[in-house]
Full PDB file with SEQRES, HELIX, SHEET, SSBOND, CRYST1, ORIGX, SCALE, CONECT and MASTER records, all heavy atoms in Angstrom:
SEQRES   1 A   30  THR ARG ALA ALA ASN VAL ASN VAL VAL GLU GLY PHE TYR          
SEQRES   2 A   30  VAL PRO ILE SER SER LEU SER LYS LEU PRO ALA SER SER          
SEQRES   3 A   30  THR SER ASP ASP                                              
HELIX    1 AA1 ILE A   16  LYS A   21  5                                   6    
CRYST1    1.000    1.000    1.000  90.00  90.00  90.00 P 1           1          
ORIGX1      1.000000  0.000000  0.000000        0.00000                         
ORIGX2      0.000000  1.000000  0.000000        0.00000                         
ORIGX3      0.000000  0.000000  1.000000        0.00000                         
SCALE1      1.000000  0.000000  0.000000        0.00000                         
SCALE2      0.000000  1.000000  0.000000        0.00000                         
SCALE3      0.000000  0.000000  1.000000        0.00000                         
ATOM      1  N   THR A   1      15.226  12.525  -1.359  1.00  0.00           N  
ATOM      2  CA  THR A   1      15.047  13.963  -1.483  1.00  0.00           C  
ATOM      3  C   THR A   1      15.993  14.702  -0.566  1.00  0.00           C  
ATOM      4  O   THR A   1      16.397  14.188   0.478  1.00  0.00           O  
ATOM      5  CB  THR A   1      13.593  14.371  -1.159  1.00  0.00           C  
ATOM      6  OG1 THR A   1      13.484  15.794  -1.184  1.00  0.00           O  
ATOM      7  CG2 THR A   1      13.165  13.842   0.205  1.00  0.00           C  
ATOM      8  N   ARG A   2      16.331  15.926  -0.958  1.00  0.00           N  
ATOM      9  CA  ARG A   2      17.185  16.778  -0.138  1.00  0.00           C  
ATOM     10  C   ARG A   2      16.356  17.734   0.710  1.00  0.00           C  
ATOM     11  O   ARG A   2      16.887  18.625   1.351  1.00  0.00           O  
ATOM     12  CB  ARG A   2      18.125  17.586  -1.042  1.00  0.00           C  
ATOM     13  CG  ARG A   2      19.111  16.745  -1.810  1.00  0.00           C  
ATOM     14  CD  ARG A   2      19.887  17.603  -2.802  1.00  0.00           C  
ATOM     15  NE  ARG A   2      20.554  18.725  -2.149  1.00  0.00           N  
ATOM     16  CZ  ARG A   2      21.205  19.676  -2.813  1.00  0.00           C  
ATOM     17  NH1 ARG A   2      21.254  19.643  -4.136  1.00  0.00           N  
ATOM     18  NH2 ARG A   2      21.781  20.665  -2.162  1.00  0.00           N  
ATOM     19  N   ALA A   3      15.037  17.565   0.703  1.00  0.00           N  
ATOM     20  CA  ALA A   3      14.170  18.491   1.421  1.00  0.00           C  
ATOM     21  C   ALA A   3      14.454  18.463   2.918  1.00  0.00           C  
ATOM     22  O   ALA A   3      14.669  17.412   3.508  1.00  0.00           O  
ATOM     23  CB  ALA A   3      12.700  18.150   1.169  1.00  0.00           C  
ATOM     24  N   ALA A   4      14.435  19.664   3.533  1.00  0.00           N  
ATOM     25  CA  ALA A   4      14.653  19.760   4.973  1.00  0.00           C  
ATOM     26  C   ALA A   4      13.360  19.554   5.745  1.00  0.00           C  
ATOM     27  O   ALA A   4      13.384  19.237   6.929  1.00  0.00           O  
ATOM     28  CB  ALA A   4      15.242  21.128   5.308  1.00  0.00           C  
ATOM     29  N   ASN A   5      12.209  19.744   5.087  1.00  0.00           N  
ATOM     30  CA  ASN A   5      10.923  19.615   5.769  1.00  0.00           C  
ATOM     31  C   ASN A   5      10.663  18.175   6.179  1.00  0.00           C  
ATOM     32  O   ASN A   5      11.017  17.237   5.476  1.00  0.00           O  
ATOM     33  CB  ASN A   5       9.780  20.078   4.861  1.00  0.00           C  
ATOM     34  CG  ASN A   5       9.816  21.565   4.599  1.00  0.00           C  
ATOM     35  OD1 ASN A   5      10.411  22.307   5.368  1.00  0.00           O  
ATOM     36  ND2 ASN A   5       9.202  21.990   3.526  1.00  0.00           N  
ATOM     37  N   VAL A   6      10.032  18.019   7.339  1.00  0.00           N  
ATOM     38  CA  VAL A   6       9.633  16.704   7.814  1.00  0.00           C  
ATOM     39  C   VAL A   6       8.179  16.485   7.427  1.00  0.00           C  
ATOM     40  O   VAL A   6       7.313  17.279   7.775  1.00  0.00           O  
ATOM     41  CB  VAL A   6       9.785  16.601   9.341  1.00  0.00           C  
ATOM     42  CG1 VAL A   6       9.299  15.245   9.833  1.00  0.00           C  
ATOM     43  CG2 VAL A   6      11.240  16.823   9.738  1.00  0.00           C  
ATOM     44  N   ASN A   7       7.896  15.411   6.682  1.00  0.00           N  
ATOM     45  CA  ASN A   7       6.528  15.063   6.323  1.00  0.00           C  
ATOM     46  C   ASN A   7       6.101  13.892   7.204  1.00  0.00           C  
ATOM     47  O   ASN A   7       6.573  12.770   7.030  1.00  0.00           O  
ATOM     48  CB  ASN A   7       6.442  14.667   4.849  1.00  0.00           C  
ATOM     49  CG  ASN A   7       6.614  15.856   3.929  1.00  0.00           C  
ATOM     50  OD1 ASN A   7       5.663  16.522   3.575  1.00  0.00           O  
ATOM     51  ND2 ASN A   7       7.854  16.127   3.553  1.00  0.00           N  
ATOM     52  N   VAL A   8       5.239  14.165   8.154  1.00  0.00           N  
ATOM     53  CA  VAL A   8       4.813  13.120   9.083  1.00  0.00           C  
ATOM     54  C   VAL A   8       3.543  12.496   8.532  1.00  0.00           C  
ATOM     55  O   VAL A   8       2.420  12.822   8.933  1.00  0.00           O  
ATOM     56  CB  VAL A   8       4.606  13.688  10.498  1.00  0.00           C  
ATOM     57  CG1 VAL A   8       4.368  12.552  11.490  1.00  0.00           C  
ATOM     58  CG2 VAL A   8       5.812  14.503  10.930  1.00  0.00           C  
ATOM     59  N   VAL A   9       3.729  11.605   7.586  1.00  0.00           N  
ATOM     60  CA  VAL A   9       2.619  10.943   6.904  1.00  0.00           C  
ATOM     61  C   VAL A   9       3.051   9.537   6.528  1.00  0.00           C  
ATOM     62  O   VAL A   9       4.235   9.272   6.287  1.00  0.00           O  
ATOM     63  CB  VAL A   9       2.196  11.739   5.639  1.00  0.00           C  
ATOM     64  CG1 VAL A   9       3.345  11.810   4.627  1.00  0.00           C  
ATOM     65  CG2 VAL A   9       0.956  11.129   4.989  1.00  0.00           C  
ATOM     66  N   GLU A  10       2.110   8.633   6.512  1.00  0.00           N  
ATOM     67  CA  GLU A  10       2.350   7.281   5.993  1.00  0.00           C  
ATOM     68  C   GLU A  10       1.108   6.856   5.232  1.00  0.00           C  
ATOM     69  O   GLU A  10       0.038   7.470   5.367  1.00  0.00           O  
ATOM     70  CB  GLU A  10       2.647   6.293   7.117  1.00  0.00           C  
ATOM     71  CG  GLU A  10       1.468   6.070   8.046  1.00  0.00           C  
ATOM     72  CD  GLU A  10       1.638   4.843   8.936  1.00  0.00           C  
ATOM     73  OE1 GLU A  10       2.544   4.037   8.677  1.00  0.00           O  
ATOM     74  OE2 GLU A  10       0.831   4.696   9.878  1.00  0.00           O  
ATOM     75  N   GLY A  11       1.248   5.811   4.426  1.00  0.00           N  
ATOM     76  CA  GLY A  11       0.062   5.379   3.710  1.00  0.00           C  
ATOM     77  C   GLY A  11       0.316   4.261   2.733  1.00  0.00           C  
ATOM     78  O   GLY A  11       1.388   3.642   2.706  1.00  0.00           O  
ATOM     79  N   PHE A  12      -0.686   4.026   1.896  1.00  0.00           N  
ATOM     80  CA  PHE A  12      -0.641   2.985   0.877  1.00  0.00           C  
ATOM     81  C   PHE A  12      -0.812   3.615  -0.499  1.00  0.00           C  
ATOM     82  O   PHE A  12      -1.639   4.508  -0.697  1.00  0.00           O  
ATOM     83  CB  PHE A  12      -1.759   1.964   1.093  1.00  0.00           C  
ATOM     84  CG  PHE A  12      -1.735   1.308   2.442  1.00  0.00           C  
ATOM     85  CD1 PHE A  12      -2.879   1.256   3.232  1.00  0.00           C  
ATOM     86  CD2 PHE A  12      -0.573   0.740   2.932  1.00  0.00           C  
ATOM     87  CE1 PHE A  12      -2.863   0.654   4.472  1.00  0.00           C  
ATOM     88  CE2 PHE A  12      -0.545   0.128   4.174  1.00  0.00           C  
ATOM     89  CZ  PHE A  12      -1.699   0.082   4.952  1.00  0.00           C  
ATOM     90  N   TYR A  13      -0.025   3.134  -1.429  1.00  0.00           N  
ATOM     91  CA  TYR A  13      -0.067   3.554  -2.828  1.00  0.00           C  
ATOM     92  C   TYR A  13      -0.771   2.436  -3.596  1.00  0.00           C  
ATOM     93  O   TYR A  13      -0.309   1.295  -3.601  1.00  0.00           O  
ATOM     94  CB  TYR A  13       1.369   3.768  -3.314  1.00  0.00           C  
ATOM     95  CG  TYR A  13       1.570   3.980  -4.796  1.00  0.00           C  
ATOM     96  CD1 TYR A  13       1.680   5.261  -5.319  1.00  0.00           C  
ATOM     97  CD2 TYR A  13       1.725   2.896  -5.663  1.00  0.00           C  
ATOM     98  CE1 TYR A  13       1.922   5.458  -6.678  1.00  0.00           C  
ATOM     99  CE2 TYR A  13       1.958   3.082  -7.011  1.00  0.00           C  
ATOM    100  CZ  TYR A  13       2.055   4.373  -7.517  1.00  0.00           C  
ATOM    101  OH  TYR A  13       2.293   4.560  -8.848  1.00  0.00           O  
ATOM    102  N   VAL A  14      -1.902   2.771  -4.212  1.00  0.00           N  
ATOM    103  CA  VAL A  14      -2.774   1.738  -4.795  1.00  0.00           C  
ATOM    104  C   VAL A  14      -3.029   2.017  -6.272  1.00  0.00           C  
ATOM    105  O   VAL A  14      -3.903   2.814  -6.624  1.00  0.00           O  
ATOM    106  CB  VAL A  14      -4.126   1.680  -4.046  1.00  0.00           C  
ATOM    107  CG1 VAL A  14      -4.957   0.500  -4.517  1.00  0.00           C  
ATOM    108  CG2 VAL A  14      -3.926   1.636  -2.541  1.00  0.00           C  
ATOM    109  N   PRO A  15      -2.262   1.400  -7.193  1.00  0.00           N  
ATOM    110  CA  PRO A  15      -2.570   1.528  -8.617  1.00  0.00           C  
ATOM    111  C   PRO A  15      -3.821   0.717  -8.952  1.00  0.00           C  
ATOM    112  O   PRO A  15      -3.861  -0.493  -8.742  1.00  0.00           O  
ATOM    113  CB  PRO A  15      -1.324   0.970  -9.302  1.00  0.00           C  
ATOM    114  CG  PRO A  15      -0.662   0.109  -8.282  1.00  0.00           C  
ATOM    115  CD  PRO A  15      -1.073   0.589  -6.927  1.00  0.00           C  
ATOM    116  N   ILE A  16      -4.848   1.389  -9.430  1.00  0.00           N  
ATOM    117  CA  ILE A  16      -6.153   0.759  -9.613  1.00  0.00           C  
ATOM    118  C   ILE A  16      -6.081  -0.468 -10.508  1.00  0.00           C  
ATOM    119  O   ILE A  16      -6.693  -1.504 -10.232  1.00  0.00           O  
ATOM    120  CB  ILE A  16      -7.157   1.767 -10.204  1.00  0.00           C  
ATOM    121  CG1 ILE A  16      -7.308   2.975  -9.269  1.00  0.00           C  
ATOM    122  CG2 ILE A  16      -8.511   1.113 -10.426  1.00  0.00           C  
ATOM    123  CD1 ILE A  16      -7.823   2.632  -7.912  1.00  0.00           C  
ATOM    124  N   SER A  17      -5.317  -0.372 -11.589  1.00  0.00           N  
ATOM    125  CA  SER A  17      -5.293  -1.463 -12.562  1.00  0.00           C  
ATOM    126  C   SER A  17      -4.655  -2.730 -12.007  1.00  0.00           C  
ATOM    127  O   SER A  17      -4.810  -3.808 -12.593  1.00  0.00           O  
ATOM    128  CB  SER A  17      -4.546  -1.018 -13.825  1.00  0.00           C  
ATOM    129  OG  SER A  17      -3.207  -0.675 -13.516  1.00  0.00           O  
ATOM    130  N   SER A  18      -3.939  -2.634 -10.874  1.00  0.00           N  
ATOM    131  CA  SER A  18      -3.259  -3.797 -10.309  1.00  0.00           C  
ATOM    132  C   SER A  18      -4.054  -4.496  -9.221  1.00  0.00           C  
ATOM    133  O   SER A  18      -3.645  -5.554  -8.741  1.00  0.00           O  
ATOM    134  CB  SER A  18      -1.888  -3.386  -9.736  1.00  0.00           C  
ATOM    135  OG  SER A  18      -1.043  -2.910 -10.753  1.00  0.00           O  
ATOM    136  N   LEU A  19      -5.184  -3.917  -8.823  1.00  0.00           N  
ATOM    137  CA  LEU A  19      -5.911  -4.475  -7.690  1.00  0.00           C  
ATOM    138  C   LEU A  19      -6.388  -5.898  -7.931  1.00  0.00           C  
ATOM    139  O   LEU A  19      -6.391  -6.726  -7.024  1.00  0.00           O  
ATOM    140  CB  LEU A  19      -7.113  -3.579  -7.351  1.00  0.00           C  
ATOM    141  CG  LEU A  19      -6.763  -2.248  -6.680  1.00  0.00           C  
ATOM    142  CD1 LEU A  19      -8.014  -1.406  -6.508  1.00  0.00           C  
ATOM    143  CD2 LEU A  19      -6.093  -2.473  -5.344  1.00  0.00           C  
ATOM    144  N   SER A  20      -6.801  -6.191  -9.148  1.00  0.00           N  
ATOM    145  CA  SER A  20      -7.323  -7.524  -9.437  1.00  0.00           C  
ATOM    146  C   SER A  20      -6.239  -8.598  -9.376  1.00  0.00           C  
ATOM    147  O   SER A  20      -6.548  -9.791  -9.363  1.00  0.00           O  
ATOM    148  CB  SER A  20      -7.975  -7.534 -10.822  1.00  0.00           C  
ATOM    149  OG  SER A  20      -7.027  -7.198 -11.815  1.00  0.00           O  
ATOM    150  N   LYS A  21      -4.967  -8.208  -9.323  1.00  0.00           N  
ATOM    151  CA  LYS A  21      -3.866  -9.169  -9.300  1.00  0.00           C  
ATOM    152  C   LYS A  21      -3.493  -9.603  -7.879  1.00  0.00           C  
ATOM    153  O   LYS A  21      -2.637 -10.461  -7.697  1.00  0.00           O  
ATOM    154  CB  LYS A  21      -2.628  -8.559  -9.973  1.00  0.00           C  
ATOM    155  CG  LYS A  21      -2.873  -8.166 -11.423  1.00  0.00           C  
ATOM    156  CD  LYS A  21      -1.667  -7.447 -12.002  1.00  0.00           C  
ATOM    157  CE  LYS A  21      -1.945  -6.966 -13.420  1.00  0.00           C  
ATOM    158  NZ  LYS A  21      -0.803  -6.197 -13.978  1.00  0.00           N  
ATOM    159  N   LEU A  22      -4.131  -8.999  -6.879  1.00  0.00           N  
ATOM    160  CA  LEU A  22      -3.825  -9.379  -5.504  1.00  0.00           C  
ATOM    161  C   LEU A  22      -4.340 -10.778  -5.205  1.00  0.00           C  
ATOM    162  O   LEU A  22      -5.293 -11.244  -5.844  1.00  0.00           O  
ATOM    163  CB  LEU A  22      -4.444  -8.378  -4.538  1.00  0.00           C  
ATOM    164  CG  LEU A  22      -3.800  -6.994  -4.528  1.00  0.00           C  
ATOM    165  CD1 LEU A  22      -4.594  -6.056  -3.643  1.00  0.00           C  
ATOM    166  CD2 LEU A  22      -2.366  -7.074  -4.051  1.00  0.00           C  
ATOM    167  N   PRO A  23      -3.763 -11.451  -4.230  1.00  0.00           N  
ATOM    168  CA  PRO A  23      -4.183 -12.813  -3.918  1.00  0.00           C  
ATOM    169  C   PRO A  23      -5.625 -12.868  -3.435  1.00  0.00           C  
ATOM    170  O   PRO A  23      -6.140 -11.922  -2.838  1.00  0.00           O  
ATOM    171  CB  PRO A  23      -3.212 -13.248  -2.814  1.00  0.00           C  
ATOM    172  CG  PRO A  23      -2.687 -11.982  -2.247  1.00  0.00           C  
ATOM    173  CD  PRO A  23      -2.641 -11.012  -3.386  1.00  0.00           C  
ATOM    174  N   ALA A  24      -6.270 -13.995  -3.684  1.00  0.00           N  
ATOM    175  CA  ALA A  24      -7.653 -14.184  -3.243  1.00  0.00           C  
ATOM    176  C   ALA A  24      -7.711 -14.312  -1.732  1.00  0.00           C  
ATOM    177  O   ALA A  24      -6.725 -14.619  -1.072  1.00  0.00           O  
ATOM    178  CB  ALA A  24      -8.236 -15.438  -3.899  1.00  0.00           C  
ATOM    179  N   SER A  25      -8.883 -14.080  -1.193  1.00  0.00           N  
ATOM    180  CA  SER A  25      -9.074 -14.149   0.255  1.00  0.00           C  
ATOM    181  C   SER A  25      -8.830 -15.562   0.774  1.00  0.00           C  
ATOM    182  O   SER A  25      -9.147 -16.547   0.115  1.00  0.00           O  
ATOM    183  CB  SER A  25     -10.492 -13.697   0.606  1.00  0.00           C  
ATOM    184  OG  SER A  25     -10.717 -13.817   1.981  1.00  0.00           O  
ATOM    185  N   SER A  26      -8.239 -15.629   1.967  1.00  0.00           N  
ATOM    186  CA  SER A  26      -7.995 -16.911   2.619  1.00  0.00           C  
ATOM    187  C   SER A  26      -8.918 -17.059   3.822  1.00  0.00           C  
ATOM    188  O   SER A  26      -9.290 -16.080   4.448  1.00  0.00           O  
ATOM    189  CB  SER A  26      -6.528 -17.000   3.070  1.00  0.00           C  
ATOM    190  OG  SER A  26      -6.336 -18.094   3.906  1.00  0.00           O  
ATOM    191  N   THR A  27      -9.306 -18.284   4.128  1.00  0.00           N  
ATOM    192  CA  THR A  27     -10.166 -18.531   5.289  1.00  0.00           C  
ATOM    193  C   THR A  27      -9.378 -19.019   6.492  1.00  0.00           C  
ATOM    194  O   THR A  27      -9.932 -19.276   7.534  1.00  0.00           O  
ATOM    195  CB  THR A  27     -11.242 -19.578   4.938  1.00  0.00           C  
ATOM    196  OG1 THR A  27     -10.591 -20.777   4.501  1.00  0.00           O  
ATOM    197  CG2 THR A  27     -12.154 -19.059   3.840  1.00  0.00           C  
ATOM    198  N   SER A  28      -8.080 -19.144   6.339  1.00  0.00           N  
ATOM    199  CA  SER A  28      -7.239 -19.617   7.429  1.00  0.00           C  
ATOM    200  C   SER A  28      -7.033 -18.514   8.472  1.00  0.00           C  
ATOM    201  O   SER A  28      -6.805 -17.358   8.125  1.00  0.00           O  
ATOM    202  CB  SER A  28      -5.878 -20.065   6.883  1.00  0.00           C  
ATOM    203  OG  SER A  28      -4.972 -20.278   7.935  1.00  0.00           O  
ATOM    204  N   ASP A  29      -7.112 -18.894   9.765  1.00  0.00           N  
ATOM    205  CA  ASP A  29      -6.871 -17.916  10.813  1.00  0.00           C  
ATOM    206  C   ASP A  29      -5.459 -17.353  10.732  1.00  0.00           C  
ATOM    207  O   ASP A  29      -5.221 -16.198  11.074  1.00  0.00           O  
ATOM    208  CB  ASP A  29      -7.089 -18.546  12.187  1.00  0.00           C  
ATOM    209  CG  ASP A  29      -8.549 -18.866  12.448  1.00  0.00           C  
ATOM    210  OD1 ASP A  29      -9.404 -18.256  11.767  1.00  0.00           O  
ATOM    211  OD2 ASP A  29      -8.828 -19.716  13.322  1.00  0.00           O  
ATOM    212  N   ASP A  30      -4.501 -18.180  10.274  1.00  0.00           N  
ATOM    213  CA  ASP A  30      -3.121 -17.734  10.165  1.00  0.00           C  
ATOM    214  C   ASP A  30      -2.957 -16.690   9.072  1.00  0.00           C  
ATOM    215  O   ASP A  30      -1.964 -15.975   9.037  1.00  0.00           O  
ATOM    216  CB  ASP A  30      -2.195 -18.921   9.873  1.00  0.00           C  
ATOM    217  CG  ASP A  30      -2.145 -19.895  11.057  1.00  0.00           C  
ATOM    218  OD1 ASP A  30      -2.437 -19.458  12.181  1.00  0.00           O  
ATOM    219  OD2 ASP A  30      -1.834 -21.077  10.824  1.00  0.00           O  
TER     220      ASP A  30                                                      
MASTER        0    0    0    1    0    0    0    6  219    1    0    3          
END                                                                             
């Protein structure tokens, strides 16, 4: 963007339909 404004924000973008494709939980401490 060419915007001069500073947006001091961060976050996560979460498409709902893709959530089930994430890896299963691991029990390893690592």
